[in-house]
Protein backbone atom coordinates (compact mmCIF):
# COMPACT_ATOMS: atom_id res chain seq x y z
CA MET A 1 3.34 -36.81 34.27
CA ARG A 2 3.14 -36.43 30.47
CA TYR A 3 4.93 -33.72 28.48
CA VAL A 4 4.94 -31.84 25.18
CA ILE A 5 7.77 -29.95 23.52
CA GLY A 6 7.46 -26.47 22.02
CA VAL A 7 10.25 -25.46 19.65
CA ASP A 8 10.52 -21.74 18.86
CA LEU A 9 12.85 -21.07 15.93
CA GLY A 10 13.72 -17.41 16.42
CA THR A 11 16.01 -15.06 14.52
CA SER A 12 18.96 -15.34 16.88
CA ALA A 13 18.30 -18.63 18.70
CA VAL A 14 16.10 -21.68 18.93
CA LYS A 15 14.30 -22.06 22.26
CA ILE A 16 13.00 -25.46 23.35
CA LEU A 17 10.38 -25.71 26.09
CA ILE A 18 9.33 -28.83 27.99
CA VAL A 19 5.79 -28.28 29.28
CA ASN A 20 3.78 -30.61 31.50
CA LYS A 21 0.03 -31.26 31.67
CA VAL A 22 -0.66 -28.37 34.05
CA GLY A 23 1.08 -25.85 31.79
CA THR A 24 4.30 -25.57 33.79
CA VAL A 25 7.56 -25.13 31.90
CA VAL A 26 9.70 -27.75 33.58
CA HIS A 27 12.80 -27.03 31.52
CA GLN A 28 14.00 -24.85 28.68
CA VAL A 29 17.09 -24.70 26.52
CA SER A 30 18.24 -21.95 24.15
CA LYS A 31 20.83 -22.42 21.43
CA GLU A 32 22.12 -19.48 19.42
CA TYR A 33 23.16 -19.20 15.77
CA SER A 34 24.56 -16.39 13.68
CA LEU A 35 23.19 -13.99 11.09
CA ILE A 36 24.95 -13.41 7.78
CA HIS A 37 25.09 -9.78 6.60
CA SER A 38 27.18 -9.90 3.43
CA GLN A 39 25.92 -6.53 2.14
CA PRO A 40 23.89 -3.62 3.53
CA GLY A 41 20.25 -4.71 3.69
CA TYR A 42 21.08 -8.41 3.37
CA SER A 43 20.12 -10.78 6.19
CA GLU A 44 20.59 -14.54 5.79
CA GLN A 45 21.11 -17.71 7.80
CA ASN A 46 22.37 -21.19 7.10
CA PRO A 47 19.35 -23.52 7.61
CA GLU A 48 21.69 -26.27 8.75
CA ASP A 49 22.45 -24.14 11.84
CA TRP A 50 18.77 -24.35 12.85
CA VAL A 51 18.81 -28.12 12.58
CA GLU A 52 22.13 -28.61 14.39
CA GLN A 53 21.21 -26.32 17.28
CA THR A 54 17.75 -27.83 17.70
CA ILE A 55 19.23 -31.34 17.80
CA SER A 56 21.88 -30.12 20.23
CA GLY A 57 19.20 -28.66 22.52
CA LEU A 58 17.12 -31.84 22.48
CA GLN A 59 20.22 -33.96 23.14
CA GLU A 60 21.09 -31.79 26.11
CA ILE A 61 17.63 -32.31 27.60
CA PHE A 62 17.45 -36.08 27.18
CA LYS A 63 21.10 -36.99 27.79
CA ASN A 64 20.89 -35.12 31.09
CA LYS A 65 17.68 -37.04 31.90
CA ILE A 66 15.70 -33.87 32.59
CA ILE A 67 12.50 -35.84 31.94
CA ASP A 68 11.64 -39.40 30.97
CA PRO A 69 11.69 -39.41 27.12
CA THR A 70 8.96 -42.06 27.04
CA LYS A 71 6.57 -39.53 28.62
CA VAL A 72 6.69 -37.09 25.65
CA ASP A 73 3.43 -37.08 23.68
CA GLY A 74 4.07 -34.48 20.99
CA ILE A 75 6.24 -31.76 19.47
CA SER A 76 5.25 -28.60 17.65
CA PHE A 77 6.92 -25.47 16.34
CA SER A 78 6.75 -21.74 16.05
CA GLY A 79 9.16 -19.81 13.89
CA GLN A 80 10.31 -16.58 12.32
CA MET A 81 8.04 -15.67 9.42
CA HIS A 82 8.65 -14.91 5.73
CA GLY A 83 12.15 -16.44 5.37
CA LEU A 84 12.83 -18.18 2.05
CA VAL A 85 14.35 -21.67 2.06
CA LEU A 86 14.75 -23.15 -1.45
CA LEU A 87 15.01 -26.92 -1.98
CA ASP A 88 16.09 -28.91 -5.03
CA LYS A 89 14.48 -32.10 -6.36
CA ASN A 90 16.15 -34.10 -3.57
CA ASN A 91 15.00 -31.59 -0.91
CA ASN A 92 18.52 -30.29 -0.41
CA VAL A 93 18.98 -26.60 0.44
CA LEU A 94 20.13 -24.57 -2.57
CA ARG A 95 21.31 -21.39 -0.83
CA ASN A 96 21.25 -19.61 2.53
CA ALA A 97 17.80 -18.67 3.77
CA ILE A 98 16.83 -15.05 3.08
CA LEU A 99 15.24 -13.76 6.29
CA TRP A 100 12.27 -11.58 7.21
CA ASN A 101 14.48 -8.57 7.99
CA ASP A 102 16.26 -8.63 4.62
CA THR A 103 15.48 -5.44 2.65
CA ARG A 104 17.11 -6.04 -0.75
CA THR A 105 13.85 -6.64 -2.61
CA THR A 106 12.44 -3.12 -3.15
CA PRO A 107 12.58 -3.50 -6.98
CA GLN A 108 10.74 -6.82 -6.76
CA CYS A 109 7.98 -5.23 -4.64
CA LYS A 110 7.53 -2.57 -7.31
CA TYR A 111 7.42 -5.31 -9.95
CA ILE A 112 4.66 -7.13 -8.07
CA TYR A 113 2.57 -3.96 -8.03
CA GLU A 114 3.20 -3.39 -11.75
CA LYS A 115 2.23 -6.92 -12.76
CA VAL A 116 -0.42 -7.88 -10.18
CA GLY A 117 -1.70 -4.47 -9.11
CA LYS A 118 -2.04 -3.20 -5.57
CA ASN A 119 -5.80 -3.69 -5.33
CA LYS A 120 -5.73 -7.24 -6.69
CA LEU A 121 -2.87 -8.13 -4.35
CA LEU A 122 -4.82 -6.78 -1.36
CA ASN A 123 -7.99 -8.59 -2.42
CA ILE A 124 -6.19 -11.93 -2.65
CA THR A 125 -3.47 -11.81 0.01
CA LYS A 126 -4.90 -9.07 2.31
CA ASN A 127 -1.37 -7.59 2.48
CA LEU A 128 0.90 -5.16 0.66
CA ALA A 129 4.11 -6.14 -1.12
CA LEU A 130 6.83 -5.50 1.44
CA GLU A 131 10.53 -6.32 1.29
CA GLY A 132 10.31 -8.74 4.21
CA PHE A 133 7.75 -11.06 2.62
CA THR A 134 8.60 -14.30 0.84
CA LEU A 135 7.36 -13.66 -2.71
CA PRO A 136 9.70 -10.70 -3.36
CA LYS A 137 12.61 -12.88 -2.20
CA LEU A 138 11.58 -15.64 -4.61
CA LEU A 139 11.48 -13.12 -7.45
CA TRP A 140 14.88 -11.73 -6.42
CA VAL A 141 16.43 -15.20 -6.69
CA LYS A 142 14.68 -15.70 -10.03
CA GLU A 143 16.23 -12.47 -11.34
CA HIS A 144 19.68 -12.50 -9.74
CA GLU A 145 20.40 -16.22 -9.27
CA PRO A 146 18.58 -17.91 -12.17
CA HIS A 147 20.89 -20.94 -11.97
CA ILE A 148 19.57 -21.55 -8.43
CA TYR A 149 15.96 -20.71 -9.24
CA GLU A 150 15.90 -23.21 -12.11
CA ARG A 151 16.85 -25.99 -9.70
CA ALA A 152 14.29 -24.99 -7.04
CA LYS A 153 11.42 -27.48 -6.70
CA LYS A 154 9.97 -26.40 -3.34
CA PHE A 155 10.15 -23.42 -1.04
CA LEU A 156 9.65 -23.60 2.72
CA LEU A 157 9.65 -21.16 5.61
CA PRO A 158 12.25 -21.62 8.39
CA LYS A 159 10.30 -23.65 10.94
CA ASP A 160 8.78 -25.79 8.15
CA TYR A 161 12.26 -26.70 6.96
CA LEU A 162 13.31 -27.59 10.50
CA ARG A 163 10.20 -29.73 10.93
CA TYR A 164 10.91 -31.44 7.57
CA ARG A 165 14.41 -32.33 8.72
CA LEU A 166 13.00 -33.93 11.89
CA THR A 167 10.16 -35.82 10.19
CA ASP A 168 10.97 -36.16 6.45
CA THR A 169 7.54 -34.59 5.77
CA ILE A 170 7.10 -31.39 3.76
CA ALA A 171 4.15 -29.10 4.64
CA MET A 172 3.33 -25.50 5.53
CA ASP A 173 0.60 -24.27 7.87
CA TYR A 174 -1.81 -21.50 6.90
CA SER A 175 -0.52 -18.96 9.44
CA ASP A 176 2.97 -19.03 7.93
CA ALA A 177 1.73 -19.36 4.34
CA ALA A 178 -0.26 -16.13 4.86
CA GLY A 179 3.04 -14.24 5.10
CA THR A 180 4.31 -15.33 1.69
CA LEU A 181 2.09 -13.10 -0.54
CA LEU A 182 1.17 -16.25 -2.45
CA LEU A 183 -1.80 -17.37 -0.34
CA ASN A 184 -5.43 -16.47 -0.87
CA VAL A 185 -5.92 -15.69 2.81
CA GLU A 186 -9.72 -15.84 2.88
CA ASN A 187 -10.00 -19.02 0.76
CA LYS A 188 -6.99 -20.74 2.41
CA GLU A 189 -5.38 -21.85 -0.85
CA TRP A 190 -2.36 -20.97 -2.95
CA SER A 191 -3.23 -18.29 -5.49
CA ARG A 192 -2.95 -19.70 -9.00
CA GLU A 193 -3.73 -16.23 -10.32
CA ILE A 194 -0.68 -14.63 -8.70
CA CYS A 195 1.55 -17.53 -9.70
CA ASP A 196 0.40 -17.32 -13.32
CA ILE A 197 0.81 -13.54 -13.53
CA LEU A 198 4.37 -13.73 -12.14
CA ASP A 199 5.31 -16.89 -14.07
CA ILE A 200 5.87 -19.00 -10.96
CA ASP A 201 5.34 -22.75 -11.22
CA MET A 202 2.69 -23.42 -8.57
CA SER A 203 4.24 -26.81 -7.80
CA ILE A 204 6.96 -24.95 -5.87
CA CYS A 205 4.35 -24.25 -3.16
CA PRO A 206 4.20 -26.95 -0.43
CA PRO A 207 1.06 -28.77 0.81
CA LEU A 208 -1.04 -26.71 3.24
CA VAL A 209 -2.15 -27.88 6.69
CA ASP A 210 -3.72 -26.50 9.88
CA SER A 211 -1.39 -25.70 12.78
CA VAL A 212 -2.81 -28.49 14.97
CA ASP A 213 -2.57 -31.12 12.22
CA HIS A 214 -0.46 -34.21 12.84
CA VAL A 215 2.08 -34.08 9.98
CA GLY A 216 4.30 -37.01 10.88
CA ASN A 217 6.50 -38.60 13.53
CA LEU A 218 10.15 -38.14 14.32
CA SER A 219 12.33 -39.95 11.81
CA LYS A 220 14.11 -42.98 13.19
CA GLU A 221 17.50 -41.33 12.70
CA ILE A 222 16.54 -38.13 14.53
CA ALA A 223 14.79 -40.04 17.33
CA GLU A 224 17.90 -42.11 17.97
CA THR A 225 20.15 -39.04 17.80
CA VAL A 226 18.24 -37.01 20.38
CA GLY A 227 17.09 -39.86 22.61
CA LEU A 228 13.34 -39.89 21.88
CA ASP A 229 11.00 -42.60 20.66
CA PRO A 230 10.16 -42.40 16.92
CA SER A 231 6.48 -42.74 17.84
CA VAL A 232 6.47 -39.15 19.17
CA ARG A 233 3.93 -37.26 17.09
CA VAL A 234 4.83 -33.98 15.40
CA PHE A 235 2.27 -31.23 14.75
CA ALA A 236 2.56 -28.50 12.15
CA GLY A 237 2.79 -25.47 14.44
CA GLY A 238 2.56 -21.89 13.27
CA ALA A 239 4.15 -18.55 12.56
CA ASP A 240 5.84 -16.98 15.56
CA ASN A 241 3.22 -14.26 15.85
CA ALA A 242 0.30 -16.70 15.57
CA CYS A 243 1.87 -18.94 18.21
CA GLY A 244 2.72 -15.93 20.34
CA ALA A 245 -0.96 -15.02 20.18
CA ILE A 246 -1.96 -18.51 21.33
CA GLY A 247 0.64 -18.38 24.10
CA ALA A 248 -0.89 -15.11 25.28
CA GLY A 249 -4.53 -16.20 24.96
CA ILE A 250 -5.36 -14.02 21.93
CA ILE A 251 -7.83 -16.49 20.45
CA GLU A 252 -11.14 -14.67 20.62
CA GLU A 253 -12.66 -11.28 19.77
CA GLY A 254 -11.57 -8.37 21.97
CA LYS A 255 -8.12 -9.77 22.79
CA THR A 256 -4.93 -7.83 21.90
CA LEU A 257 -1.24 -8.66 22.21
CA CYS A 258 1.95 -6.62 22.37
CA SER A 259 5.02 -8.76 21.69
CA ILE A 260 8.49 -7.26 21.95
CA GLY A 261 11.22 -9.51 20.60
CA THR A 262 13.82 -8.72 17.94
CA SER A 263 10.91 -7.14 16.12
CA GLY A 264 7.79 -5.85 17.83
CA VAL A 265 4.17 -6.69 17.13
CA VAL A 266 0.76 -5.43 18.14
CA LEU A 267 -1.77 -8.10 17.22
CA THR A 268 -5.52 -8.45 17.62
CA TYR A 269 -7.91 -11.32 16.91
CA GLU A 270 -10.31 -11.28 13.95
CA GLU A 271 -13.19 -13.72 13.51
CA ASP A 272 -13.19 -13.41 9.72
CA ALA A 273 -11.39 -11.78 6.79
CA ALA A 274 -14.11 -9.18 6.18
CA LYS A 275 -12.50 -6.05 7.65
CA ASP A 276 -10.68 -3.65 5.34
CA PHE A 277 -7.59 -2.01 6.81
CA GLU A 278 -6.45 -0.87 3.33
CA GLY A 279 -3.13 -2.63 3.80
CA LYS A 280 -2.15 -0.42 6.76
CA VAL A 281 -1.67 -3.54 8.91
CA HIS A 282 -1.08 -7.21 8.11
CA TYR A 283 -4.04 -9.57 7.85
CA PHE A 284 -3.07 -13.22 8.38
CA ASN A 285 -4.62 -16.61 9.02
CA HIS A 286 -4.43 -17.54 12.71
CA SER A 287 -3.16 -20.85 14.06
CA VAL A 288 -6.66 -21.16 15.52
CA PRO A 289 -8.52 -22.98 12.71
CA ASP A 290 -10.68 -20.79 10.45
CA SER A 291 -9.85 -17.53 12.18
CA PHE A 292 -7.54 -14.58 11.52
CA TYR A 293 -5.53 -11.83 13.14
CA THR A 294 -4.39 -8.36 12.18
CA MET A 295 -1.09 -6.92 13.28
CA GLY A 296 1.35 -4.09 12.88
CA VAL A 297 5.11 -4.56 13.03
CA THR A 298 8.04 -2.54 14.32
CA LEU A 299 11.05 -4.11 12.60
CA SER A 300 13.65 -3.05 15.19
CA SER A 301 11.93 -3.35 18.53
CA GLY A 302 14.00 -5.32 21.03
CA TYR A 303 16.78 -5.15 18.45
CA SER A 304 17.00 -1.38 19.03
CA LEU A 305 17.70 -1.96 22.72
CA SER A 306 20.22 -4.76 22.12
CA TRP A 307 21.92 -2.61 19.44
CA PHE A 308 22.25 0.26 21.92
CA LYS A 309 23.63 -2.06 24.61
CA ASN A 310 26.14 -3.72 22.30
CA THR A 311 27.26 -0.41 20.80
CA PHE A 312 27.39 1.88 23.83
CA ALA A 313 27.25 -0.35 26.93
CA LYS A 314 28.94 -3.59 25.88
CA GLY A 315 29.51 -5.98 28.75
CA THR A 316 26.56 -4.78 30.83
CA SER A 317 23.46 -6.88 31.42
CA PHE A 318 20.01 -5.68 30.38
CA ASP A 319 19.11 -5.29 34.06
CA GLU A 320 22.13 -3.03 34.56
CA LEU A 321 21.33 -1.12 31.37
CA LEU A 322 17.77 -0.39 32.51
CA GLY A 323 18.85 0.50 36.04
CA GLY A 324 18.02 4.10 36.83
CA ILE A 325 15.50 4.76 34.05
CA GLU A 326 12.79 5.15 36.70
CA THR A 327 14.56 8.37 37.73
CA VAL A 328 14.25 9.80 34.22
CA PRO A 329 11.04 11.79 33.62
CA VAL A 330 8.47 10.99 30.95
CA GLY A 331 9.92 12.12 27.62
CA SER A 332 13.54 11.46 28.65
CA ASN A 333 14.16 15.16 29.26
CA GLY A 334 13.34 16.13 25.67
CA LEU A 335 15.11 13.23 23.92
CA LEU A 336 13.31 11.15 21.27
CA PHE A 337 14.41 7.99 19.45
CA THR A 338 12.91 6.42 16.33
CA PRO A 339 13.50 2.63 16.04
CA TYR A 340 14.19 2.52 12.29
CA LEU A 341 17.55 0.71 12.38
CA VAL A 342 16.65 -1.59 9.44
CA GLY A 343 13.79 0.44 7.98
CA GLU A 344 10.19 0.28 9.12
CA ARG A 345 6.99 -1.60 8.34
CA THR A 346 3.99 -0.15 10.23
CA PRO A 347 2.72 2.42 9.48
CA HIS A 348 5.60 3.41 7.19
CA ALA A 349 6.54 0.65 4.74
CA ASP A 350 9.95 2.16 4.09
CA ALA A 351 13.16 0.19 3.66
CA ASN A 352 15.31 3.35 3.45
CA ILE A 353 14.27 5.15 6.65
CA ARG A 354 16.84 5.04 9.45
CA SER A 355 16.86 5.79 13.16
CA SER A 356 17.38 9.13 14.81
CA PHE A 357 18.01 10.54 18.25
CA ILE A 358 16.33 13.96 18.29
CA GLY A 359 16.91 16.60 20.95
CA ILE A 360 20.32 15.57 22.35
CA ASP A 361 21.88 18.09 24.72
CA SER A 362 24.67 18.09 27.28
CA THR A 363 22.39 17.16 30.18
CA HIS A 364 21.61 13.74 28.72
CA LYS A 365 23.28 10.73 30.32
CA GLN A 366 23.17 7.07 29.35
CA LYS A 367 19.96 6.51 31.33
CA HIS A 368 18.20 9.21 29.27
CA PHE A 369 19.22 7.52 26.02
CA VAL A 370 18.08 4.12 27.32
CA ARG A 371 14.68 5.44 28.37
CA SER A 372 14.27 7.26 25.04
CA VAL A 373 14.96 3.99 23.20
CA LEU A 374 12.23 2.25 25.21
CA GLU A 375 9.84 5.14 24.62
CA GLY A 376 10.61 5.21 20.88
CA ILE A 377 9.95 1.48 20.52
CA THR A 378 6.67 1.85 22.41
CA PHE A 379 5.63 4.89 20.36
CA SER A 380 6.20 2.89 17.19
CA LEU A 381 3.99 0.08 18.50
CA ASN A 382 1.38 2.68 19.46
CA GLU A 383 1.10 3.61 15.76
CA THR A 384 -0.59 0.23 15.21
CA ILE A 385 -2.91 0.66 18.18
CA ARG A 386 -4.00 4.01 16.73
CA ILE A 387 -4.84 2.32 13.40
CA PHE A 388 -6.94 -0.33 15.17
CA ARG A 389 -8.79 2.27 17.23
CA GLU A 390 -9.49 4.34 14.13
CA LYS A 391 -11.32 1.24 12.80
CA ASP A 392 -13.45 1.18 15.96
CA LYS A 393 -11.67 -1.72 17.61
CA LYS A 394 -11.92 -1.50 21.39
CA ILE A 395 -8.49 -1.89 22.94
CA ASP A 396 -8.47 -1.37 26.69
CA SER A 397 -6.53 -4.46 27.82
CA ILE A 398 -3.32 -5.74 26.19
CA VAL A 399 -1.28 -8.82 27.06
CA SER A 400 2.44 -7.99 26.91
CA ILE A 401 5.00 -10.71 26.14
CA GLY A 402 8.67 -10.88 25.22
CA GLY A 403 11.41 -8.55 26.39
CA GLY A 404 8.95 -5.76 27.07
CA ALA A 405 7.25 -7.91 29.71
CA LYS A 406 10.46 -8.39 31.71
CA SER A 407 10.75 -4.83 33.04
CA GLU A 408 8.26 -3.19 35.42
CA GLN A 409 9.24 0.24 34.13
CA TRP A 410 8.66 -0.79 30.53
CA LEU A 411 5.32 -2.41 31.34
CA GLN A 412 4.14 0.79 33.03
CA MET A 413 5.41 2.78 30.04
CA GLN A 414 3.30 0.60 27.74
CA ALA A 415 0.22 1.21 29.91
CA ASP A 416 0.82 4.97 29.77
CA ILE A 417 1.61 5.25 26.05
CA PHE A 418 -1.10 2.80 24.93
CA ASN A 419 -3.59 4.18 27.50
CA ALA A 420 -4.69 0.62 28.29
CA ASN A 421 -4.32 -1.96 31.04
CA ILE A 422 -1.22 -4.08 30.42
CA VAL A 423 -1.46 -7.71 31.51
CA GLN A 424 1.67 -9.59 32.55
CA LEU A 425 1.35 -13.38 32.46
CA LYS A 426 2.65 -15.72 35.14
CA ASN A 427 4.07 -18.34 32.77
CA GLU A 428 4.81 -16.14 29.76
CA GLN A 429 7.03 -17.91 27.24
CA GLY A 430 5.87 -16.27 24.02
CA PRO A 431 5.66 -18.29 20.80
CA GLY A 432 7.31 -21.33 22.40
CA MET A 433 4.38 -21.68 24.80
CA GLY A 434 2.01 -21.31 21.86
CA ALA A 435 3.81 -24.15 20.08
CA ALA A 436 3.55 -26.27 23.23
CA ILE A 437 -0.19 -25.54 23.46
CA VAL A 438 -0.58 -26.62 19.81
CA ALA A 439 1.26 -29.86 20.64
CA ALA A 440 -0.89 -30.41 23.75
CA THR A 441 -4.11 -29.89 21.79
CA GLY A 442 -2.95 -32.09 18.93
CA SER A 443 -1.96 -34.78 21.40
CA GLY A 444 -5.53 -34.90 22.72
CA TRP A 445 -4.94 -33.26 26.10
CA PHE A 446 -7.67 -30.73 25.26
CA SER A 447 -10.60 -30.61 22.88
CA SER A 448 -9.59 -27.21 21.46
CA LEU A 449 -6.92 -24.52 21.61
CA LYS A 450 -9.35 -22.35 23.55
CA GLU A 451 -9.72 -24.99 26.27
CA ALA A 452 -5.93 -25.41 26.42
CA VAL A 453 -5.36 -21.66 26.77
CA GLN A 454 -7.93 -21.36 29.56
CA TYR A 455 -6.21 -24.20 31.43
CA PHE A 456 -2.58 -23.18 30.83
CA LEU A 457 -2.46 -19.39 31.15
CA ARG A 458 -2.60 -17.29 34.32
CA GLU A 459 -2.24 -13.55 34.97
CA GLU A 460 0.61 -12.29 37.16
CA LYS A 461 -0.08 -8.54 37.36
CA VAL A 462 -2.02 -5.77 35.62
CA TYR A 463 -0.42 -2.35 35.02
CA GLN A 464 -2.90 0.51 34.76
CA PRO A 465 -2.28 3.80 32.93
CA ILE A 466 -1.32 6.81 35.04
CA HIS A 467 -3.44 9.75 33.93
CA GLU A 468 -0.76 12.46 34.00
CA ASN A 469 1.67 10.22 32.12
CA VAL A 470 -0.97 9.42 29.48
CA LYS A 471 -1.52 13.14 28.89
CA ARG A 472 2.21 13.87 28.63
CA TYR A 473 2.85 10.95 26.29
CA ASN A 474 -0.05 11.98 24.03
CA GLU A 475 1.64 15.35 23.55
CA LEU A 476 5.01 13.74 22.89
CA PHE A 477 3.56 11.15 20.50
CA SER A 478 2.51 13.85 18.05
CA VAL A 479 6.13 15.07 17.97
CA TYR A 480 7.35 11.51 17.50
CA GLN A 481 5.01 11.01 14.53
CA ASP A 482 6.45 14.07 12.81
CA ILE A 483 10.02 12.76 12.91
CA TYR A 484 9.43 10.21 10.15
CA HIS A 485 8.17 12.85 7.72
CA GLN A 486 11.02 15.21 8.61
CA THR A 487 13.76 12.59 8.17
CA ALA A 488 12.51 10.30 5.36
CA SER A 489 14.10 12.30 2.53
CA LEU A 490 17.33 12.71 4.52
CA SER A 491 17.56 8.95 5.06
CA LYS A 492 17.04 8.34 1.35
CA GLN A 493 19.82 10.78 0.48
CA LEU A 494 22.16 9.20 3.02
CA SER A 495 21.53 5.68 1.67
CA GLN A 496 24.09 6.24 -1.11
CA PHE A 497 26.81 6.63 1.54
CA ARG A 498 26.09 3.31 3.29
CA THR A 499 28.65 0.58 2.72
C-alpha cells in the first residue's frame, strides 16, 4: 500500500495525517504549540515552534514504524491563513509571526482605504481591508518596527514557511496569497498597483504556484531527521479553508461547507470571480485550479466553546460539557450569546465588538449557557448563509466539518438554524484531508482533485431540519441580529478599560 501525508498547520497545533490509497487515515499525530499575547489584541507565534513540532510528529510516526517510510509518495500542507512571517536576505525569521486573529492593525486598514480606496481595493483583491489580513500587518511593521522592515526581503504565510524549512524552496499558492490583500484575485498575480501606491517593494512577494504544483523534495537534512527518503515529493498545498473545502468535497457549483474550528467558516464554491458581494464576504482563489470560493468568517467559533470550558468548567471534557444540552429547549430558555470574543468579521468587520450573554436569570444552569454558546456560534455562521441566499445562491445541503461535526446535538442545531440538510462525513478530517488529497493528486494517484474527492469521501449521516425548530430559531435569530447594534457602542466605550 502507498501513502501520502497531509500536514495541517493550525492555530493551536499541527496535525499530521497518514492516508492510504483508498482514502483511509491510517494514523494521525497532533502536536501543540503556544500563542503569544503580549498586549490586548496581539496574537503571535514563534515560527520555529511550527517546524519543531512538525518534525517531532513525523519522527514519532516513522521511529515507531507506523508505516514503511519507503511507501510515502508525497506530502502537502494546509495552514492558518493571513499570518505574516518576515524573512531577511538569508531567509532567517526577523520577528514572531503576526497571526490571523491579531487585531492591532485598525489604523493600517484605514490607511489602505485612504491611499488605495475601497472600490479599487475590492476591484483588485475582491476583499475589504480587515485587521486579520496580511497587508495591514506588513504596514504595521513598516510603521512601528522600521528597523525590522528594512531588513525584510520576503514575506511568507505560516504553512509556506513550514514548507520552506522542509524543502529549502520558497513559494506561495494562490489560495493563501488571496488572503494577503496584495493579490489580483481574478488575474492570479501580485498587484503592482497596490504595491506602488503603498510604497512596498514588490520583490518582497514570493513566487506564486498552484496548490497541486510540485515545489520540491524534502531536504536531505530533514529527510534524515524524520526518517524519510529525500526523494519524497512535496506539493504546495493551500489555505486551511481551501483545503477544508477540498476535504469536504466543495469543488463544484452548488456545494457549501460549514467548518467549525478555532474560527468558523461558511464557504461555497464559485466557478469564476464575476459575482459581486460588495465585500460582505471574502472572495478567494480556490486550491482547485482556476476556480474560486466565497466565505464568511466567525472569528471566535470553536474558540468560544473552548473559552467557556476553560473559564467555567476547567477539567471537564467537551463530551462532559455538552452532556445534557439535549434537555435544554430551543433558545436556551431565553439566553443568547454573541461569539465576539476577539471582535468579528462577517457580517460585522469590527475589531472592538465583544461578546455578550443576554437574558441571564436565576433559572439558568451551566447546560443553558453551553447550549446558548453553541446557538450563538451557529447564529453567527447563519449570517453568512443569509448573505449567500440574498444573492440567489441555493443552499439546501451543507457539509459540516470540524468541532461542530462531532456532536449530534450541534449537527441537528445547524440543520435547524440553517434550514438545510447537514451532511456528516465518514472520514472527516478537515483541512488535513484536503492537504492529503492535494498530495495524492500531485503524486499521480488521480487525474484531478475532483476524481480524488469522489474516490476518497463518503457520507456518514444526513441531519434534516425540524420544522418547529426552524420556525422558533427564525424568530430568535432576529433578536440575535439586534444584539450587535445594541452593544457595538458599549463595546467601543469599554475598550479603554481593557488591559
